[in-house]
């Protein structure tokens, strides 16, 4: 799963502006000031990458666009909820990508593909479902209960992913070991049967 973590790590930076907004709002900073700071962080990320000659991926440009548009509306209306919904849009995008059948199989070791590849297909859909669930939850909290949003953003996304990862990893490892043991037992039985047949053939001769 190290490859999976490495692959999604750039997505974490897309939430930096939202995290800054959540922290500032939790500290009761003025809405316009908090939104402006979040906007500056989002723009600053891209400027820094360009200055250090690092590529700015398409998703990062899209994320920056969301920060600028939604942040601008939030500042004009003095309503931070418009910027709060940004994570929901990103989670939906990730969830759609995760709907691709078998996307998790590539992260399995070669010797485990034949054991749990079918499980990974199912778990891929479960992870996609979690992304959509988080998107909906974030949207509801941001729009109906904005005062709770900083706490929600700080706890639910990470806690839900860690919980699902623990269940996913534990179940896949357990089932994989069980299937491997059955295969080994079947090979041993087949070897014994072949050996018995050889002995019988030798005695008959």
N, C-alpha and C. Protein backbone atom coordinates (compact mmCIF):
# COMPACT_ATOMS: atom_id res chain seq x y z
N UNK A 1 0.81 -1.22 0.00
CA UNK A 1 0.00 0.00 0.00
C UNK A 1 0.85 1.27 0.00
N UNK A 2 2.16 1.09 0.09
CA UNK A 2 3.02 2.27 0.08
C UNK A 2 2.86 3.04 -1.22
N UNK A 3 2.72 2.30 -2.34
CA UNK A 3 2.55 2.96 -3.63
C UNK A 3 1.26 3.76 -3.67
N UNK A 4 0.21 3.23 -3.03
CA UNK A 4 -1.07 3.94 -3.01
C UNK A 4 -0.94 5.24 -2.22
N UNK A 5 -0.28 5.14 -1.07
CA UNK A 5 -0.09 6.34 -0.25
C UNK A 5 0.72 7.37 -1.02
N UNK A 6 1.76 6.92 -1.71
CA UNK A 6 2.59 7.83 -2.49
C UNK A 6 1.79 8.46 -3.62
N UNK A 7 0.91 7.68 -4.21
CA UNK A 7 0.14 8.18 -5.35
C UNK A 7 -0.87 9.25 -4.95
N UNK A 8 -1.45 9.10 -3.76
CA UNK A 8 -2.47 10.08 -3.35
C UNK A 8 -1.89 11.22 -2.53
N UNK A 9 -0.60 11.16 -2.23
CA UNK A 9 0.01 12.21 -1.40
C UNK A 9 -0.15 13.59 -2.01
N UNK A 10 0.02 13.77 -3.34
CA UNK A 10 -0.17 15.12 -3.90
C UNK A 10 -1.56 15.67 -3.67
N UNK A 11 -2.56 14.79 -3.54
CA UNK A 11 -3.92 15.27 -3.32
C UNK A 11 -4.05 15.96 -1.97
N UNK A 12 -3.20 15.54 -1.03
CA UNK A 12 -3.28 16.14 0.30
C UNK A 12 -2.98 17.63 0.25
N UNK A 13 -2.08 18.04 -0.63
CA UNK A 13 -1.74 19.45 -0.72
C UNK A 13 -2.92 20.28 -1.23
N UNK A 14 -3.83 19.63 -1.97
CA UNK A 14 -4.98 20.35 -2.49
C UNK A 14 -5.92 20.81 -1.37
N UNK A 15 -5.81 20.18 -0.21
CA UNK A 15 -6.66 20.53 0.91
C UNK A 15 -6.01 21.57 1.82
N UNK A 16 -4.81 21.99 1.51
CA UNK A 16 -4.09 22.90 2.40
C UNK A 16 -4.86 24.20 2.60
N UNK A 17 -5.38 24.77 1.53
CA UNK A 17 -6.12 26.03 1.66
C UNK A 17 -7.37 25.83 2.51
N UNK A 18 -8.02 24.67 2.36
CA UNK A 18 -9.21 24.39 3.17
C UNK A 18 -8.84 24.20 4.63
N UNK A 19 -7.70 23.59 4.88
CA UNK A 19 -7.23 23.39 6.25
C UNK A 19 -6.93 24.74 6.90
N UNK A 20 -6.27 25.62 6.13
CA UNK A 20 -5.97 26.96 6.64
C UNK A 20 -7.26 27.69 6.99
N UNK A 21 -8.25 27.58 6.11
CA UNK A 21 -9.54 28.22 6.37
C UNK A 21 -10.17 27.66 7.64
N UNK A 22 -10.15 26.33 7.79
CA UNK A 22 -10.75 25.70 8.97
C UNK A 22 -10.08 26.15 10.25
N UNK A 23 -8.75 26.20 10.23
CA UNK A 23 -8.01 26.60 11.44
C UNK A 23 -8.32 28.04 11.81
N UNK A 24 -8.32 28.92 10.82
CA UNK A 24 -8.58 30.34 11.09
C UNK A 24 -10.01 30.57 11.58
N UNK A 25 -10.96 29.86 10.98
CA UNK A 25 -12.35 30.01 11.43
C UNK A 25 -12.52 29.47 12.84
N UNK A 26 -11.81 28.36 13.14
CA UNK A 26 -11.87 27.81 14.49
C UNK A 26 -11.30 28.78 15.52
N UNK A 27 -10.37 29.63 15.06
CA UNK A 27 -9.77 30.64 15.93
C UNK A 27 -10.59 31.93 15.93
N UNK A 28 -11.79 31.88 15.28
CA UNK A 28 -12.72 33.01 15.23
C UNK A 28 -12.13 34.22 14.50
N UNK A 29 -11.32 33.93 13.49
CA UNK A 29 -10.81 35.00 12.64
C UNK A 29 -11.93 35.49 11.73
N UNK A 30 -11.92 36.76 11.39
CA UNK A 30 -12.93 37.35 10.50
C UNK A 30 -13.03 36.53 9.21
N UNK A 31 -14.27 36.38 8.72
CA UNK A 31 -14.54 35.56 7.54
C UNK A 31 -13.72 36.01 6.33
N UNK A 32 -13.72 37.31 6.06
CA UNK A 32 -12.99 37.81 4.90
C UNK A 32 -11.49 37.59 5.05
N UNK A 33 -10.99 37.81 6.26
CA UNK A 33 -9.56 37.59 6.50
C UNK A 33 -9.19 36.12 6.32
N UNK A 34 -10.01 35.23 6.89
CA UNK A 34 -9.74 33.79 6.78
C UNK A 34 -9.81 33.32 5.33
N UNK A 35 -10.82 33.79 4.60
CA UNK A 35 -10.97 33.40 3.20
C UNK A 35 -9.83 33.95 2.37
N UNK A 36 -9.44 35.20 2.63
CA UNK A 36 -8.31 35.79 1.90
C UNK A 36 -7.02 35.03 2.16
N UNK A 37 -6.80 34.61 3.40
CA UNK A 37 -5.59 33.85 3.73
C UNK A 37 -5.59 32.51 3.00
N UNK A 38 -6.77 31.85 2.95
CA UNK A 38 -6.87 30.57 2.25
C UNK A 38 -6.60 30.74 0.76
N UNK A 39 -7.10 31.84 0.19
CA UNK A 39 -6.83 32.14 -1.21
C UNK A 39 -5.34 32.34 -1.46
N UNK A 40 -4.69 33.09 -0.59
CA UNK A 40 -3.26 33.34 -0.74
C UNK A 40 -2.45 32.04 -0.65
N UNK A 41 -2.87 31.15 0.24
CA UNK A 41 -2.19 29.86 0.37
C UNK A 41 -2.32 29.04 -0.91
N UNK A 42 -3.54 28.99 -1.45
CA UNK A 42 -3.76 28.24 -2.69
C UNK A 42 -2.95 28.79 -3.85
N UNK A 43 -2.93 30.11 -3.98
CA UNK A 43 -2.16 30.74 -5.06
C UNK A 43 -0.66 30.58 -4.80
N UNK A 44 -0.28 30.73 -3.53
CA UNK A 44 1.13 30.60 -3.17
C UNK A 44 1.70 29.24 -3.47
N UNK A 45 0.90 28.18 -3.33
CA UNK A 45 1.35 26.84 -3.65
C UNK A 45 1.80 26.73 -5.10
N UNK A 46 0.96 27.25 -6.00
CA UNK A 46 1.27 27.16 -7.42
C UNK A 46 2.47 28.04 -7.76
N UNK A 47 2.52 29.24 -7.20
CA UNK A 47 3.64 30.14 -7.46
C UNK A 47 4.95 29.51 -7.00
N UNK A 48 4.94 28.87 -5.83
CA UNK A 48 6.14 28.22 -5.30
C UNK A 48 6.61 27.10 -6.23
N UNK A 49 5.66 26.29 -6.70
CA UNK A 49 6.03 25.18 -7.58
C UNK A 49 6.59 25.69 -8.90
N UNK A 50 6.00 26.74 -9.41
CA UNK A 50 6.52 27.32 -10.65
C UNK A 50 7.91 27.89 -10.44
N UNK A 51 8.12 28.56 -9.29
CA UNK A 51 9.42 29.17 -9.00
C UNK A 51 10.50 28.13 -8.80
N UNK A 52 10.13 26.97 -8.28
CA UNK A 52 11.11 25.90 -8.05
C UNK A 52 11.14 24.90 -9.20
N UNK A 53 10.51 25.29 -10.32
CA UNK A 53 10.51 24.47 -11.55
C UNK A 53 9.90 23.09 -11.34
N UNK A 54 8.90 23.02 -10.48
CA UNK A 54 8.17 21.78 -10.28
C UNK A 54 6.90 21.82 -11.11
N UNK A 55 6.53 20.71 -11.72
CA UNK A 55 5.32 20.71 -12.56
C UNK A 55 4.06 20.93 -11.74
N UNK A 56 3.14 21.70 -12.28
CA UNK A 56 1.84 21.90 -11.65
C UNK A 56 0.85 21.02 -12.39
N UNK A 57 0.37 19.98 -11.71
CA UNK A 57 -0.52 19.02 -12.36
C UNK A 57 -1.89 19.64 -12.63
N UNK A 58 -2.62 18.98 -13.54
CA UNK A 58 -3.94 19.48 -13.94
C UNK A 58 -4.88 19.60 -12.75
N UNK A 59 -4.84 18.60 -11.86
CA UNK A 59 -5.71 18.64 -10.70
C UNK A 59 -5.38 19.81 -9.79
N UNK A 60 -4.09 20.18 -9.73
CA UNK A 60 -3.70 21.31 -8.90
C UNK A 60 -4.23 22.62 -9.49
N UNK A 61 -4.17 22.73 -10.84
CA UNK A 61 -4.74 23.92 -11.49
C UNK A 61 -6.24 23.99 -11.22
N UNK A 62 -6.90 22.81 -11.30
CA UNK A 62 -8.34 22.77 -11.05
C UNK A 62 -8.65 23.17 -9.60
N UNK A 63 -7.81 22.67 -8.68
CA UNK A 63 -7.99 23.01 -7.28
C UNK A 63 -7.81 24.50 -7.04
N UNK A 64 -6.79 25.08 -7.68
CA UNK A 64 -6.56 26.51 -7.55
C UNK A 64 -7.74 27.30 -8.11
N UNK A 65 -8.28 26.82 -9.23
CA UNK A 65 -9.44 27.48 -9.82
C UNK A 65 -10.62 27.48 -8.86
N UNK A 66 -10.81 26.34 -8.16
CA UNK A 66 -11.89 26.27 -7.19
C UNK A 66 -11.67 27.24 -6.05
N UNK A 67 -10.42 27.35 -5.60
CA UNK A 67 -10.10 28.26 -4.51
C UNK A 67 -10.39 29.70 -4.91
N UNK A 68 -9.96 30.07 -6.13
CA UNK A 68 -10.15 31.44 -6.60
C UNK A 68 -11.64 31.76 -6.77
N UNK A 69 -12.37 30.86 -7.45
CA UNK A 69 -13.78 31.11 -7.74
C UNK A 69 -14.62 31.08 -6.46
N UNK A 70 -14.50 29.95 -5.74
CA UNK A 70 -15.31 29.81 -4.52
C UNK A 70 -14.87 30.79 -3.44
N UNK A 71 -13.55 31.04 -3.36
CA UNK A 71 -13.05 32.00 -2.38
C UNK A 71 -13.51 33.41 -2.71
N UNK A 72 -13.52 33.74 -4.00
CA UNK A 72 -13.99 35.06 -4.40
C UNK A 72 -15.45 35.28 -4.05
N UNK A 73 -16.27 34.25 -4.32
CA UNK A 73 -17.69 34.35 -3.98
C UNK A 73 -17.87 34.45 -2.47
N UNK A 74 -17.07 33.68 -1.72
CA UNK A 74 -17.16 33.71 -0.26
C UNK A 74 -16.84 35.10 0.27
N UNK A 75 -15.83 35.76 -0.31
CA UNK A 75 -15.45 37.10 0.14
C UNK A 75 -16.51 38.13 -0.24
N UNK A 76 -17.08 38.00 -1.44
CA UNK A 76 -18.09 38.96 -1.88
C UNK A 76 -19.37 38.85 -1.07
N UNK A 77 -19.72 37.63 -0.69
CA UNK A 77 -20.96 37.41 0.04
C UNK A 77 -20.74 37.39 1.55
N UNK A 78 -19.46 37.44 1.95
CA UNK A 78 -19.10 37.34 3.36
C UNK A 78 -19.60 36.02 3.96
N UNK A 79 -19.62 34.97 3.12
CA UNK A 79 -20.11 33.66 3.52
C UNK A 79 -19.05 32.61 3.20
N UNK A 80 -18.35 32.09 4.21
CA UNK A 80 -17.26 31.15 3.96
C UNK A 80 -17.72 29.78 3.49
N UNK A 81 -19.03 29.53 3.50
CA UNK A 81 -19.52 28.21 3.11
C UNK A 81 -19.18 27.87 1.67
N UNK A 82 -19.06 28.90 0.83
CA UNK A 82 -18.72 28.64 -0.57
C UNK A 82 -17.34 28.01 -0.70
N UNK A 83 -16.41 28.44 0.14
CA UNK A 83 -15.07 27.84 0.11
C UNK A 83 -15.04 26.52 0.85
N UNK A 84 -15.95 26.37 1.82
CA UNK A 84 -16.00 25.12 2.59
C UNK A 84 -16.42 23.93 1.73
N UNK A 85 -17.15 24.17 0.63
CA UNK A 85 -17.61 23.05 -0.18
C UNK A 85 -16.54 22.53 -1.13
N UNK A 86 -15.40 23.22 -1.21
CA UNK A 86 -14.33 22.79 -2.11
C UNK A 86 -13.91 21.34 -1.88
N UNK A 87 -13.68 20.88 -0.62
CA UNK A 87 -13.31 19.48 -0.43
C UNK A 87 -14.32 18.50 -1.01
N UNK A 88 -15.61 18.86 -0.99
CA UNK A 88 -16.63 17.96 -1.53
C UNK A 88 -16.42 17.73 -3.02
N UNK A 89 -16.08 18.79 -3.73
CA UNK A 89 -15.86 18.67 -5.18
C UNK A 89 -14.65 17.77 -5.44
N UNK A 90 -13.60 17.93 -4.65
CA UNK A 90 -12.40 17.11 -4.83
C UNK A 90 -12.69 15.66 -4.48
N UNK A 91 -13.43 15.43 -3.40
CA UNK A 91 -13.77 14.05 -3.03
C UNK A 91 -14.60 13.37 -4.09
N UNK A 92 -15.52 14.10 -4.71
CA UNK A 92 -16.32 13.52 -5.78
C UNK A 92 -15.42 13.12 -6.96
N UNK A 93 -14.47 14.00 -7.29
CA UNK A 93 -13.55 13.70 -8.40
C UNK A 93 -12.75 12.44 -8.10
N UNK A 94 -12.25 12.31 -6.87
CA UNK A 94 -11.48 11.13 -6.48
C UNK A 94 -12.38 9.89 -6.51
N UNK A 95 -13.61 10.02 -6.00
CA UNK A 95 -14.53 8.90 -6.00
C UNK A 95 -14.83 8.39 -7.39
N UNK A 96 -14.99 9.29 -8.34
CA UNK A 96 -15.25 8.89 -9.73
C UNK A 96 -14.06 8.11 -10.28
N UNK A 97 -12.85 8.58 -10.02
CA UNK A 97 -11.65 7.88 -10.48
C UNK A 97 -11.58 6.48 -9.88
N UNK A 98 -11.97 6.35 -8.61
CA UNK A 98 -11.90 5.06 -7.92
C UNK A 98 -12.97 4.08 -8.37
N UNK A 99 -13.92 4.52 -9.19
CA UNK A 99 -14.93 3.62 -9.72
C UNK A 99 -14.37 2.71 -10.82
N UNK A 100 -13.16 2.97 -11.28
CA UNK A 100 -12.54 2.11 -12.29
C UNK A 100 -12.31 0.74 -11.70
N UNK A 101 -12.83 -0.27 -12.35
CA UNK A 101 -12.75 -1.64 -11.84
C UNK A 101 -11.30 -2.11 -11.70
N UNK A 102 -10.96 -2.60 -10.51
CA UNK A 102 -9.65 -3.20 -10.28
C UNK A 102 -8.51 -2.21 -10.15
N UNK A 103 -8.81 -0.94 -9.86
CA UNK A 103 -7.73 0.06 -9.81
C UNK A 103 -6.73 -0.23 -8.68
N UNK A 104 -7.14 -0.99 -7.67
CA UNK A 104 -6.25 -1.26 -6.55
C UNK A 104 -5.32 -2.45 -6.79
N UNK A 105 -5.60 -3.24 -7.81
CA UNK A 105 -4.80 -4.45 -8.05
C UNK A 105 -3.34 -4.12 -8.32
N UNK A 106 -3.09 -3.00 -8.96
CA UNK A 106 -1.71 -2.63 -9.30
C UNK A 106 -0.84 -2.40 -8.08
N UNK A 107 -1.46 -2.20 -6.92
CA UNK A 107 -0.69 -1.95 -5.70
C UNK A 107 -0.39 -3.23 -4.92
N UNK A 108 -0.84 -4.37 -5.44
CA UNK A 108 -0.57 -5.65 -4.78
C UNK A 108 0.80 -6.18 -5.17
N UNK A 109 1.49 -6.88 -4.25
CA UNK A 109 2.72 -7.59 -4.63
C UNK A 109 2.37 -8.68 -5.64
N UNK A 110 3.31 -9.03 -6.50
CA UNK A 110 3.04 -10.00 -7.56
C UNK A 110 2.55 -11.34 -7.01
N UNK A 111 3.10 -11.75 -5.87
CA UNK A 111 2.73 -13.06 -5.33
C UNK A 111 1.37 -13.04 -4.63
N UNK A 112 0.74 -11.89 -4.54
CA UNK A 112 -0.56 -11.80 -3.88
C UNK A 112 -1.71 -11.57 -4.86
N UNK A 113 -1.39 -11.29 -6.11
CA UNK A 113 -2.42 -10.96 -7.09
C UNK A 113 -3.41 -12.12 -7.25
N UNK A 114 -2.90 -13.36 -7.37
CA UNK A 114 -3.79 -14.50 -7.58
C UNK A 114 -4.59 -14.86 -6.34
N UNK A 115 -4.19 -14.32 -5.20
CA UNK A 115 -4.86 -14.65 -3.95
C UNK A 115 -6.01 -13.70 -3.61
N UNK A 116 -5.81 -12.41 -3.81
CA UNK A 116 -6.80 -11.44 -3.32
C UNK A 116 -7.20 -10.39 -4.35
N UNK A 117 -6.93 -10.64 -5.63
CA UNK A 117 -7.29 -9.63 -6.63
C UNK A 117 -8.79 -9.39 -6.67
N UNK A 118 -9.60 -10.44 -6.46
CA UNK A 118 -11.05 -10.26 -6.44
C UNK A 118 -11.49 -9.38 -5.28
N UNK A 119 -10.78 -9.51 -4.15
CA UNK A 119 -11.10 -8.66 -3.00
C UNK A 119 -10.78 -7.20 -3.29
N UNK A 120 -9.68 -6.97 -3.99
CA UNK A 120 -9.28 -5.60 -4.28
C UNK A 120 -10.28 -4.89 -5.19
N UNK A 121 -10.92 -5.66 -6.08
CA UNK A 121 -11.95 -5.06 -6.92
C UNK A 121 -13.08 -4.53 -6.06
N UNK A 122 -13.54 -5.37 -5.12
CA UNK A 122 -14.61 -4.95 -4.22
C UNK A 122 -14.21 -3.81 -3.33
N UNK A 123 -13.00 -3.87 -2.78
CA UNK A 123 -12.53 -2.81 -1.89
C UNK A 123 -12.36 -1.49 -2.64
N UNK A 124 -12.04 -1.57 -3.92
CA UNK A 124 -11.93 -0.34 -4.72
C UNK A 124 -13.25 0.42 -4.75
N UNK A 125 -14.36 -0.34 -4.87
CA UNK A 125 -15.68 0.29 -4.86
C UNK A 125 -16.02 0.82 -3.46
N UNK A 126 -15.58 0.10 -2.43
CA UNK A 126 -15.83 0.56 -1.06
C UNK A 126 -15.12 1.90 -0.82
N UNK A 127 -13.87 2.00 -1.27
CA UNK A 127 -13.13 3.26 -1.11
C UNK A 127 -13.80 4.39 -1.89
N UNK A 128 -14.30 4.07 -3.07
CA UNK A 128 -15.02 5.08 -3.84
C UNK A 128 -16.25 5.54 -3.08
N UNK A 129 -16.97 4.58 -2.48
CA UNK A 129 -18.14 4.93 -1.69
C UNK A 129 -17.82 5.84 -0.52
N UNK A 130 -16.66 5.58 0.10
CA UNK A 130 -16.25 6.45 1.21
C UNK A 130 -15.99 7.87 0.72
N UNK A 131 -15.40 8.00 -0.46
CA UNK A 131 -15.15 9.34 -1.01
C UNK A 131 -16.46 10.10 -1.23
N UNK A 132 -17.44 9.41 -1.82
CA UNK A 132 -18.74 10.05 -2.06
C UNK A 132 -19.45 10.38 -0.74
N UNK A 133 -19.34 9.47 0.22
CA UNK A 133 -19.96 9.71 1.54
C UNK A 133 -19.35 10.92 2.22
N UNK A 134 -18.01 11.02 2.15
CA UNK A 134 -17.32 12.16 2.75
C UNK A 134 -17.70 13.45 2.05
N UNK A 135 -17.84 13.39 0.73
CA UNK A 135 -18.23 14.58 -0.03
C UNK A 135 -19.61 15.08 0.40
N UNK A 136 -20.55 14.14 0.55
CA UNK A 136 -21.91 14.52 0.96
C UNK A 136 -21.90 15.05 2.38
N UNK A 137 -21.17 14.36 3.27
CA UNK A 137 -21.12 14.80 4.66
C UNK A 137 -20.51 16.19 4.77
N UNK A 138 -19.44 16.44 4.03
CA UNK A 138 -18.79 17.75 4.05
C UNK A 138 -19.74 18.84 3.56
N UNK A 139 -20.48 18.51 2.49
CA UNK A 139 -21.42 19.49 1.93
C UNK A 139 -22.52 19.83 2.93
N UNK A 140 -23.05 18.81 3.59
CA UNK A 140 -24.12 19.03 4.56
C UNK A 140 -23.62 19.86 5.74
N UNK A 141 -22.46 19.46 6.27
CA UNK A 141 -21.91 20.18 7.43
C UNK A 141 -21.57 21.63 7.05
N UNK A 142 -20.91 21.80 5.89
CA UNK A 142 -20.49 23.14 5.48
C UNK A 142 -21.68 24.06 5.27
N UNK A 143 -22.75 23.53 4.69
CA UNK A 143 -23.87 24.40 4.32
C UNK A 143 -24.87 24.60 5.44
N UNK A 144 -25.11 23.54 6.24
CA UNK A 144 -26.14 23.63 7.27
C UNK A 144 -25.58 23.90 8.67
N UNK A 145 -24.36 23.42 8.91
CA UNK A 145 -23.76 23.59 10.24
C UNK A 145 -22.32 24.11 10.12
N UNK A 146 -22.14 25.27 9.54
CA UNK A 146 -20.78 25.77 9.28
C UNK A 146 -19.92 25.91 10.53
N UNK A 147 -20.54 26.11 11.69
CA UNK A 147 -19.76 26.26 12.92
C UNK A 147 -19.07 24.94 13.28
N UNK A 148 -19.63 23.82 12.82
CA UNK A 148 -19.04 22.51 13.12
C UNK A 148 -17.97 22.13 12.11
N UNK A 149 -17.89 22.85 11.00
CA UNK A 149 -17.04 22.42 9.88
C UNK A 149 -15.57 22.27 10.24
N UNK A 150 -14.94 23.20 10.98
CA UNK A 150 -13.52 23.01 11.31
C UNK A 150 -13.26 21.70 12.05
N UNK A 151 -14.13 21.35 13.00
CA UNK A 151 -13.96 20.10 13.74
C UNK A 151 -14.19 18.90 12.83
N UNK A 152 -15.18 19.00 11.96
CA UNK A 152 -15.47 17.92 11.02
C UNK A 152 -14.27 17.66 10.12
N UNK A 153 -13.72 18.73 9.53
CA UNK A 153 -12.60 18.59 8.61
C UNK A 153 -11.37 18.03 9.31
N UNK A 154 -11.23 18.36 10.59
CA UNK A 154 -10.05 17.90 11.34
C UNK A 154 -10.16 16.44 11.76
N UNK A 155 -11.39 15.92 11.87
CA UNK A 155 -11.57 14.58 12.43
C UNK A 155 -12.07 13.55 11.42
N UNK A 156 -13.21 13.81 10.80
CA UNK A 156 -13.89 12.77 10.03
C UNK A 156 -13.11 12.24 8.83
N UNK A 157 -12.59 13.08 7.92
CA UNK A 157 -11.90 12.53 6.75
C UNK A 157 -10.75 11.60 7.12
N UNK A 158 -9.89 12.02 8.03
CA UNK A 158 -8.74 11.19 8.41
C UNK A 158 -9.17 9.96 9.19
N UNK A 159 -10.08 10.14 10.16
CA UNK A 159 -10.51 9.01 10.99
C UNK A 159 -11.21 7.94 10.15
N UNK A 160 -12.05 8.36 9.23
CA UNK A 160 -12.78 7.38 8.40
C UNK A 160 -11.82 6.61 7.49
N UNK A 161 -10.81 7.29 6.97
CA UNK A 161 -9.84 6.62 6.08
C UNK A 161 -8.96 5.65 6.87
N UNK A 162 -8.53 6.05 8.05
CA UNK A 162 -7.70 5.16 8.87
C UNK A 162 -8.50 3.93 9.29
N UNK A 163 -9.77 4.12 9.64
CA UNK A 163 -10.61 3.00 10.03
C UNK A 163 -10.82 2.03 8.88
N UNK A 164 -11.16 2.58 7.70
CA UNK A 164 -11.38 1.72 6.54
C UNK A 164 -10.09 1.02 6.13
N UNK A 165 -8.97 1.72 6.21
CA UNK A 165 -7.70 1.10 5.84
C UNK A 165 -7.39 -0.07 6.77
N UNK A 166 -7.65 0.10 8.08
CA UNK A 166 -7.39 -0.96 9.04
C UNK A 166 -8.24 -2.20 8.73
N UNK A 167 -9.53 -1.97 8.45
CA UNK A 167 -10.43 -3.08 8.13
C UNK A 167 -10.02 -3.73 6.80
N UNK A 168 -9.73 -2.90 5.82
CA UNK A 168 -9.33 -3.37 4.50
C UNK A 168 -8.05 -4.21 4.58
N UNK A 169 -7.02 -3.66 5.20
CA UNK A 169 -5.73 -4.34 5.27
C UNK A 169 -5.84 -5.63 6.09
N UNK A 170 -6.53 -5.54 7.23
CA UNK A 170 -6.66 -6.71 8.09
C UNK A 170 -7.41 -7.85 7.44
N UNK A 171 -8.53 -7.54 6.80
CA UNK A 171 -9.34 -8.58 6.16
C UNK A 171 -8.63 -9.18 4.96
N UNK A 172 -7.98 -8.34 4.15
CA UNK A 172 -7.26 -8.84 2.97
C UNK A 172 -6.10 -9.75 3.39
N UNK A 173 -5.39 -9.35 4.43
CA UNK A 173 -4.27 -10.15 4.91
C UNK A 173 -4.76 -11.49 5.46
N UNK A 174 -5.84 -11.46 6.24
CA UNK A 174 -6.38 -12.69 6.83
C UNK A 174 -6.87 -13.65 5.75
N UNK A 175 -7.68 -13.14 4.83
CA UNK A 175 -8.22 -13.98 3.77
C UNK A 175 -7.10 -14.48 2.85
N UNK A 176 -6.13 -13.62 2.57
CA UNK A 176 -5.00 -14.03 1.74
C UNK A 176 -4.23 -15.18 2.36
N UNK A 177 -3.99 -15.10 3.67
CA UNK A 177 -3.28 -16.18 4.37
C UNK A 177 -4.10 -17.46 4.36
N UNK A 178 -5.40 -17.35 4.55
CA UNK A 178 -6.26 -18.54 4.53
C UNK A 178 -6.22 -19.21 3.16
N UNK A 179 -6.32 -18.42 2.11
CA UNK A 179 -6.31 -18.98 0.76
C UNK A 179 -4.95 -19.60 0.42
N UNK A 180 -3.89 -18.94 0.87
CA UNK A 180 -2.55 -19.47 0.64
C UNK A 180 -2.38 -20.82 1.35
N UNK A 181 -2.89 -20.91 2.57
CA UNK A 181 -2.79 -22.16 3.33
C UNK A 181 -3.56 -23.27 2.63
N UNK A 182 -4.73 -22.96 2.10
CA UNK A 182 -5.51 -23.98 1.39
C UNK A 182 -4.80 -24.45 0.13
N UNK A 183 -4.18 -23.51 -0.59
CA UNK A 183 -3.43 -23.88 -1.79
C UNK A 183 -2.25 -24.79 -1.44
N UNK A 184 -1.55 -24.45 -0.36
CA UNK A 184 -0.42 -25.28 0.07
C UNK A 184 -0.89 -26.68 0.47
N UNK A 185 -2.02 -26.72 1.18
CA UNK A 185 -2.56 -28.02 1.60
C UNK A 185 -2.98 -28.85 0.39
N UNK A 186 -3.58 -28.18 -0.60
CA UNK A 186 -3.99 -28.89 -1.82
C UNK A 186 -2.79 -29.43 -2.57
N UNK A 187 -1.69 -28.66 -2.61
CA UNK A 187 -0.49 -29.12 -3.29
C UNK A 187 0.13 -30.32 -2.58
N UNK A 188 0.10 -30.27 -1.25
CA UNK A 188 0.62 -31.40 -0.46
C UNK A 188 -0.20 -32.65 -0.71
N UNK A 189 -1.54 -32.50 -0.71
CA UNK A 189 -2.41 -33.65 -0.96
C UNK A 189 -2.19 -34.21 -2.35
N UNK A 190 -2.03 -33.27 -3.34
CA UNK A 190 -1.79 -33.73 -4.70
C UNK A 190 -0.47 -34.48 -4.80
N UNK A 191 0.55 -33.99 -4.08
CA UNK A 191 1.85 -34.66 -4.09
C UNK A 191 1.77 -36.04 -3.47
N UNK A 192 1.02 -36.17 -2.37
CA UNK A 192 0.86 -37.47 -1.72
C UNK A 192 0.12 -38.44 -2.63
N UNK A 193 -0.92 -37.95 -3.30
CA UNK A 193 -1.69 -38.79 -4.20
C UNK A 193 -0.83 -39.29 -5.35
N UNK A 194 0.00 -38.38 -5.91
CA UNK A 194 0.88 -38.77 -7.01
C UNK A 194 1.91 -39.80 -6.54
N UNK A 195 2.41 -39.59 -5.33
CA UNK A 195 3.40 -40.53 -4.78
C UNK A 195 2.77 -41.90 -4.56
N UNK A 196 1.53 -41.93 -4.06
CA UNK A 196 0.83 -43.20 -3.84
C UNK A 196 0.60 -43.93 -5.15
N UNK A 197 0.25 -43.17 -6.17
CA UNK A 197 0.03 -43.80 -7.47
C UNK A 197 1.31 -44.40 -8.02
N UNK A 198 2.43 -43.70 -7.80
CA UNK A 198 3.73 -44.19 -8.25
C UNK A 198 4.09 -45.50 -7.55
N UNK A 199 3.83 -45.52 -6.23
CA UNK A 199 4.11 -46.74 -5.46
C UNK A 199 3.25 -47.89 -5.94
N UNK A 200 1.97 -47.63 -6.17
CA UNK A 200 1.06 -48.68 -6.63
C UNK A 200 1.48 -49.20 -7.99
N UNK A 201 1.90 -48.29 -8.86
CA UNK A 201 2.34 -48.71 -10.19
C UNK A 201 3.59 -49.57 -10.12
N UNK A 202 4.50 -49.19 -9.19
CA UNK A 202 5.73 -49.95 -9.03
C UNK A 202 5.44 -51.34 -8.49
N UNK A 203 4.50 -51.47 -7.54
CA UNK A 203 4.15 -52.76 -6.97
C UNK A 203 3.46 -53.65 -8.00
N UNK A 204 2.60 -53.01 -8.83
CA UNK A 204 1.91 -53.77 -9.85
C UNK A 204 2.87 -54.33 -10.88
N UNK A 205 3.94 -53.56 -11.15
CA UNK A 205 4.94 -54.02 -12.12
C UNK A 205 5.73 -55.19 -11.53
